[in-house]
C-alpha atoms as a PDB file:
ATOM      1  CA  MET A   1     -16.602  23.706 -18.005  1.00  0.00           C
ATOM      2  CA  PHE A   2     -15.775  21.003 -15.422  1.00  0.00           C
ATOM      3  CA  PRO A   3     -14.018  17.741 -16.285  1.00  0.00           C
ATOM      4  CA  PRO A   4     -16.320  14.735 -16.224  1.00  0.00           C
ATOM      5  CA  VAL A   5     -16.580  12.972 -12.872  1.00  0.00           C
ATOM      6  CA  PRO A   6     -15.715   9.257 -13.067  1.00  0.00           C
ATOM      7  CA  ALA A   7     -18.749   7.049 -12.835  1.00  0.00           C
ATOM      8  CA  PHE A   8     -19.410   5.417  -9.479  1.00  0.00           C
ATOM      9  CA  GLU A   9     -19.077   2.033 -11.177  1.00  0.00           C
ATOM     10  CA  ASP A  10     -15.552   2.896 -12.369  1.00  0.00           C
ATOM     11  CA  GLU A  11     -14.560   3.720  -8.804  1.00  0.00           C
ATOM     12  CA  ILE A  12     -15.899   0.379  -7.579  1.00  0.00           C
ATOM     13  CA  VAL A  13     -14.009  -1.517 -10.292  1.00  0.00           C
ATOM     14  CA  ASN A  14     -10.836   0.437  -9.478  1.00  0.00           C
ATOM     15  CA  ASN A  15     -11.158  -0.390  -5.749  1.00  0.00           C
ATOM     16  CA  ILE A  16     -11.697  -4.077  -6.523  1.00  0.00           C
ATOM     17  CA  GLN A  17      -8.639  -4.121  -8.775  1.00  0.00           C
ATOM     18  CA  LYS A  18      -6.518  -2.500  -6.066  1.00  0.00           C
ATOM     19  CA  HIS A  19      -7.799  -5.009  -3.511  1.00  0.00           C
ATOM     20  CA  ILE A  20      -6.895  -7.901  -5.828  1.00  0.00           C
ATOM     21  CA  LEU A  21      -3.460  -6.358  -6.407  1.00  0.00           C
ATOM     22  CA  ALA A  22      -2.945  -6.043  -2.635  1.00  0.00           C
ATOM     23  CA  GLU A  23      -3.971  -9.679  -2.078  1.00  0.00           C
ATOM     24  CA  ARG A  24      -1.576 -10.882  -4.803  1.00  0.00           C
ATOM     25  CA  ALA A  25       1.226  -8.748  -3.348  1.00  0.00           C
ATOM     26  CA  LEU A  26       0.601 -10.078   0.163  1.00  0.00           C
ATOM     27  CA  ALA A  27       0.713 -13.669  -1.104  1.00  0.00           C
ATOM     28  CA  ALA A  28       4.005 -12.885  -2.874  1.00  0.00           C
ATOM     29  CA  ALA A  29       5.372 -11.278   0.308  1.00  0.00           C
ATOM     30  CA  ARG A  30       4.475 -14.355   2.346  1.00  0.00           C
ATOM     31  CA  ARG A  31       6.204 -16.660  -0.167  1.00  0.00           C
ATOM     32  CA  CYS A  32       9.224 -14.368  -0.171  1.00  0.00           C
ATOM     33  CA  VAL A  33       9.573 -14.369   3.609  1.00  0.00           C
ATOM     34  CA  ALA A  34       9.056 -18.137   3.843  1.00  0.00           C
ATOM     35  CA  SER A  35      11.677 -18.907   1.206  1.00  0.00           C
ATOM     36  CA  ARG A  36      14.326 -16.224   1.792  1.00  0.00           C
ATOM     37  CA  TYR A  37      14.167 -15.387   5.496  1.00  0.00           C
ATOM     38  CA  VAL A  38      14.002 -18.694   7.321  1.00  0.00           C
ATOM     39  CA  GLY A  39      14.480 -18.097  11.029  1.00  0.00           C
ATOM     40  CA  ALA A  40      12.963 -14.627  11.068  1.00  0.00           C
ATOM     41  CA  ALA A  41      10.998 -13.818  14.205  1.00  0.00           C
ATOM     42  CA  PHE A  42       8.417 -11.761  12.303  1.00  0.00           C
ATOM     43  CA  ALA A  43       7.855  -9.740   9.163  1.00  0.00           C
ATOM     44  CA  TYR A  44       5.573  -6.946   8.001  1.00  0.00           C
ATOM     45  CA  ALA A  45       4.468  -5.790   4.565  1.00  0.00           C
ATOM     46  CA  ALA A  46       3.865  -2.082   4.033  1.00  0.00           C
ATOM     47  CA  GLY A  47       3.645   0.524   1.326  1.00  0.00           C
ATOM     48  CA  SER A  48       1.157   1.789  -1.202  1.00  0.00           C
ATOM     49  CA  ILE A  49       0.020  -1.663  -2.347  1.00  0.00           C
ATOM     50  CA  MET A  50      -0.800  -2.721   1.204  1.00  0.00           C
ATOM     51  CA  ARG A  51      -2.684   0.545   1.773  1.00  0.00           C
ATOM     52  CA  GLY A  52      -4.809  -0.148  -1.303  1.00  0.00           C
ATOM     53  CA  GLU A  53      -3.230   2.748  -3.194  1.00  0.00           C
ATOM     54  CA  GLY A  54      -0.805   0.772  -5.329  1.00  0.00           C
ATOM     55  CA  THR A  55      -0.465   0.493  -9.067  1.00  0.00           C
ATOM     56  CA  THR A  56       1.036  -2.244 -11.202  1.00  0.00           C
ATOM     57  CA  PHE A  57       4.357  -0.369 -10.853  1.00  0.00           C
ATOM     58  CA  SER A  58       4.335  -0.223  -7.031  1.00  0.00           C
ATOM     59  CA  ASP A  59       6.754  -2.278  -4.988  1.00  0.00           C
ATOM     60  CA  ILE A  60       6.232  -4.399  -1.896  1.00  0.00           C
ATOM     61  CA  ASP A  61       7.979  -2.984   1.163  1.00  0.00           C
ATOM     62  CA  LEU A  62       8.962  -5.645   3.701  1.00  0.00           C
ATOM     63  CA  VAL A  63      10.481  -5.340   7.143  1.00  0.00           C
ATOM     64  CA  VAL A  64      11.918  -8.645   8.343  1.00  0.00           C
ATOM     65  CA  VAL A  65      13.136  -8.961  11.929  1.00  0.00           C
ATOM     66  CA  PHE A  66      15.415 -11.709  13.232  1.00  0.00           C
ATOM     67  CA  PRO A  67      16.126 -12.286  16.931  1.00  0.00           C
ATOM     68  CA  CYS A  68      19.799 -11.357  16.442  1.00  0.00           C
ATOM     69  CA  LEU A  69      21.962 -10.239  13.488  1.00  0.00           C
ATOM     70  CA  GLU A  70      25.550  -9.093  13.026  1.00  0.00           C
ATOM     71  CA  ARG A  71      24.297  -6.194  10.887  1.00  0.00           C
ATOM     72  CA  ALA A  72      21.147  -4.889   9.264  1.00  0.00           C
ATOM     73  CA  TRP A  73      20.791  -4.827   5.502  1.00  0.00           C
ATOM     74  CA  ARG A  74      18.522  -3.760   2.700  1.00  0.00           C
ATOM     75  CA  GLU A  75      17.972  -5.565  -0.574  1.00  0.00           C
ATOM     76  CA  SER A  76      15.854  -5.307  -3.696  1.00  0.00           C
ATOM     77  CA  PHE A  77      14.638  -8.033  -6.032  1.00  0.00           C
ATOM     78  CA  THR A  78      11.546  -9.283  -7.843  1.00  0.00           C
ATOM     79  CA  GLN A  79       9.117 -11.849  -6.403  1.00  0.00           C
ATOM     80  CA  ASP A  80       6.253 -13.215  -8.504  1.00  0.00           C
ATOM     81  CA  GLY A  81       6.441 -10.195 -10.802  1.00  0.00           C
ATOM     82  CA  PHE A  82       6.452  -7.608  -7.991  1.00  0.00           C
ATOM     83  CA  PRO A  83       9.464  -5.427  -7.202  1.00  0.00           C
ATOM     84  CA  VAL A  84      10.338  -5.975  -3.526  1.00  0.00           C
ATOM     85  CA  GLU A  85      12.288  -3.737  -1.156  1.00  0.00           C
ATOM     86  CA  VAL A  86      13.344  -5.510   2.061  1.00  0.00           C
ATOM     87  CA  PHE A  87      14.722  -4.019   5.271  1.00  0.00           C
ATOM     88  CA  VAL A  88      16.263  -6.773   7.439  1.00  0.00           C
ATOM     89  CA  HIS A  89      16.830  -6.020  11.123  1.00  0.00           C
ATOM     90  CA  ASP A  90      17.001  -7.356  14.637  1.00  0.00           C
ATOM     91  CA  PRO A  91      15.395  -5.450  17.531  1.00  0.00           C
ATOM     92  CA  GLN A  92      18.540  -3.412  18.226  1.00  0.00           C
ATOM     93  CA  THR A  93      19.179  -2.324  14.632  1.00  0.00           C
ATOM     94  CA  LEU A  94      15.500  -1.603  14.107  1.00  0.00           C
ATOM     95  CA  ALA A  95      15.463   0.637  17.190  1.00  0.00           C
ATOM     96  CA  HIS A  96      18.600   2.379  15.926  1.00  0.00           C
ATOM     97  CA  TYR A  97      17.048   3.122  12.522  1.00  0.00           C
ATOM     98  CA  LEU A  98      13.731   4.200  14.027  1.00  0.00           C
ATOM     99  CA  HIS A  99      15.549   6.712  16.244  1.00  0.00           C
ATOM    100  CA  GLN A 100      17.841   7.841  13.417  1.00  0.00           C
ATOM    101  CA  ASP A 101      14.854   8.413  11.126  1.00  0.00           C
ATOM    102  CA  ALA A 102      12.974  10.327  13.843  1.00  0.00           C
ATOM    103  CA  ASP A 103      16.019  12.500  14.552  1.00  0.00           C
ATOM    104  CA  SER A 104      16.460  13.270  10.845  1.00  0.00           C
ATOM    105  CA  GLY A 105      12.930  14.616  10.548  1.00  0.00           C
ATOM    106  CA  TYR A 106      12.190  12.096   7.778  1.00  0.00           C
ATOM    107  CA  PRO A 107      10.913   9.000   9.631  1.00  0.00           C
ATOM    108  CA  ILE A 108      10.655   6.464   6.783  1.00  0.00           C
ATOM    109  CA  MET A 109      10.679   3.343   8.970  1.00  0.00           C
ATOM    110  CA  ALA A 110       8.285   4.798  11.532  1.00  0.00           C
ATOM    111  CA  ASN A 111       5.861   5.881   8.806  1.00  0.00           C
ATOM    112  CA  MET A 112       6.014   2.412   7.256  1.00  0.00           C
ATOM    113  CA  HIS A 113       5.052   0.717  10.469  1.00  0.00           C
ATOM    114  CA  TRP A 114       1.826   2.634  11.102  1.00  0.00           C
ATOM    115  CA  ARG A 115       0.074   0.962   8.144  1.00  0.00           C
ATOM    116  CA  ILE A 116       1.315  -2.607   7.961  1.00  0.00           C
ATOM    117  CA  ILE A 117       0.141  -6.134   7.410  1.00  0.00           C
ATOM    118  CA  SER A 118       1.715  -8.774   9.621  1.00  0.00           C
ATOM    119  CA  ILE A 119       3.151 -11.872   8.008  1.00  0.00           C
ATOM    120  CA  ARG A 120       2.725 -14.642  10.550  1.00  0.00           C
ATOM    121  CA  MET A 121       5.834 -16.626  11.402  1.00  0.00           C
ATOM    122  CA  PRO A 122       5.856 -20.144  12.890  1.00  0.00           C
ATOM    123  CA  THR A 123       7.485 -18.921  16.105  1.00  0.00           C
ATOM    124  CA  ALA A 124       7.851 -15.466  17.557  1.00  0.00           C
ATOM    125  CA  ALA A 125      10.997 -15.048  19.619  1.00  0.00           C
ATOM    126  CA  ILE A 126      10.445 -11.349  20.275  1.00  0.00           C
ATOM    127  CA  PRO A 127       7.343  -9.203  20.793  1.00  0.00           C
ATOM    128  CA  SER A 128       5.294  -8.131  17.813  1.00  0.00           C
ATOM    129  CA  TRP A 129       6.667  -5.088  16.027  1.00  0.00           C
ATOM    130  CA  PRO A 130       3.839  -2.617  16.605  1.00  0.00           C
ATOM    131  CA  THR A 131       4.020  -3.072  20.376  1.00  0.00           C
ATOM    132  CA  TRP A 132       7.782  -3.187  20.543  1.00  0.00           C
ATOM    133  CA  SER A 133       8.585  -0.435  18.029  1.00  0.00           C
ATOM    134  CA  ARG A 134       6.086   2.076  19.403  1.00  0.00           C
ATOM    135  CA  ARG A 135       7.940   1.766  22.690  1.00  0.00           C
ATOM    136  CA  ALA A 136      11.253   2.277  20.836  1.00  0.00           C
ATOM    137  CA  VAL A 137      10.175   5.541  19.195  1.00  0.00           C
END
């Protein structure tokens, strides 16, 4: 007739596991930013893990913003067992990509920034991303 409905207890265990996964991923993201992106003004973690929807195969999406760069770049690597996808920008390149994404009809960067977790930096040379980037879009 109907497939069995998962027990309420299974749902609770699943939510706890996803929360633990998100906490581990956030700790890995913080270590990554601290070790690889010295001098960044701020950074944000996003993606399915940070939304509590991740699996053990999900990656960590990071946006790292420096006060000034010659060019933006994107890189992929593994940190503490997690695949990591990093988008490195300064305010001007970030604004460019936000506008380009919006114009394309497929706003990847803008969608990432609506559900983020801030990674605190020792100093912030430019305004926080949510405030600044919402003005840019």
